[in-house]
Protein backbone atom coordinates (compact mmCIF):
# COMPACT_ATOMS: atom_id res chain seq x y z
CA LEU A 1 0.01 -0.08 -0.12
CA SER A 2 1.44 3.66 -0.65
CA ALA A 3 0.89 6.48 1.55
CA THR A 4 -2.22 7.80 -0.35
CA GLY A 5 -3.81 4.19 -0.49
CA ILE A 6 -3.45 4.08 3.98
CA SER A 7 -4.45 7.76 3.86
CA THR A 8 -7.71 7.08 1.34
CA ILE A 9 -8.17 4.27 3.76
CA SER A 10 -8.51 5.61 6.91
CA CYS A 11 -10.81 8.52 5.73
CA LEU A 12 -13.31 5.88 4.47
CA SER A 13 -13.03 4.35 8.28
CA VAL A 14 -13.63 7.57 9.23
CA PHE A 15 -16.69 8.54 7.27
CA LEU A 16 -17.92 4.94 8.00
CA TRP A 17 -17.67 5.01 11.20
CA PHE A 18 -19.21 8.21 11.33
CA PHE A 19 -22.29 7.17 8.88
CA TRP A 20 -23.12 4.40 11.46
CA SER A 21 -22.80 6.09 14.57
CA PHE A 22 -24.97 8.78 13.21
CA LEU A 23 -27.10 7.90 10.83
CA PRO A 24 -29.38 5.81 12.89
CA ASP A 25 -30.51 8.84 15.28
CA THR A 26 -30.89 10.88 12.50
CA VAL A 27 -33.09 8.71 11.10
CA ALA A 28 -34.93 8.10 14.62
CA PHE A 29 -35.42 11.41 15.21
CA THR A 30 -36.72 12.08 11.58
CA PHE A 31 -39.67 9.13 11.81
CA ASN A 32 -39.98 10.03 15.39
CA ALA A 33 -40.86 13.86 14.65
CA GLU A 34 -42.93 12.11 11.49
CA LEU A 35 -44.91 9.88 13.81
CA GLN A 36 -45.85 12.79 16.31
CA PHE A 37 -47.28 15.30 13.67
CA ILE A 38 -49.35 11.77 12.78
CA THR A 39 -50.91 11.91 15.83
CA SER A 40 -51.14 15.23 16.11
CA LEU A 41 -53.60 15.44 13.42
């Protein structure tokens, strides 16, 4: 592996960690907000 390959892999792993850490919270928050909106109608 070259230096650029290693930095690309580390960037990808950080991005994936960020994605998997925050995506479920965002989906749950959006779903919760929509559910509250529907039930308030």
